C-alpha cells in the first residue's frame, strides 16, 4: 500500500447539494478519503445542507457554510474531518462578503497550518450588470489573495484557494477557445486576473500537474455532446502559496466514466500534499 498523503483536498462544484446527493455524489466524495472538501453551488440553506449530509457518509464531518442571499443560488462550504482552528466568512475585502461565494477555514495538518478557501466566482454575462458584479468580486478576491500571501510570508500559514472560478485561463483550458473569445469566462479582462495571480505569489496546481494541454477539463455542459466529445472548460482550480505548492504531489480530475454516471456538470479536482 502506498504512503498516505499528509493532506488531501477535494474541490467540487456539486451543482446543488441535494441533487448531487441523489446522484451519488456525496458517496463518491466520502470514498476518496479526503481531509478537506470544498463545495461550490451548494444551493441550500444550512438546514437543507445538514439534512443531505446526515443522510450520507459525510454525516460526522465539520461544516463551514456561507449561504447565498438568493434561495437556491450559489453557496459555498468547507467540510473537514477535524474541527477547524478558525472559520471566516466575512472580510475587510467587502466585495466578497455576504454572497455565498467565499468561505475559508484554518486547519492544522501534518504539513503545517493551512488556510483553505472555497470560492465560487460569478459566471457573468458579457456587457451586462452580471459581468460588472463578476469584476467587482474579482477585485475583492484580488485583495483577499494579497492578504493571504502576506499572512503566509509573515506567519507561515500557507493557503490553498479552491473552487469554481468560472474563468478558463489560457487557450489550452477551453476546447472551443476561438468561439468564446467574447464570452464570459474567457474574456481578456477576466483572464488578466489569473495572469497576475499565477505570475506572482500563487501557483496553479491543476496546470502544473496537467501538462501542456489541451485540457484536462473540469466542466462540460449537460447539453448536447459536450461531455462525450470532451468539449470542456478547465475552470475549477487549486491555487496554492509557494511553500504549500512545493508539497503538492498529485492532482486528479475525477471525470465520470460516462455521461450517465455524472453527478454534477463539474468534475471534482483532488490534490495530494506530502
Foldseek 3Di string as FASTA:
>chain_A
DDDAFQFKEKEDALLALVLLLVLCNLVVVVVVPGQKYKYKLNQADPVVNQVSCCVGPNNQWDKDKQDAPDHRGIIIMMTGRDDFPDKDQPDPLRLRHRGNAKIWTWHQTPLGIEIEMEGDAQLAWPPDVSNVSRVSNLVSVLVVVVVQLVCCVPVVHKYKYWYQSLAFQDPLQFQPLVVPCRGRRHDPVSNVSVVVQCVPFKPWLLDVQVDPGSDPAFAFDLDDCCLVVVRHGHRITIIIGVVQSVQWDDKDFQRDPDSSSDSHRGTMIMIGGD
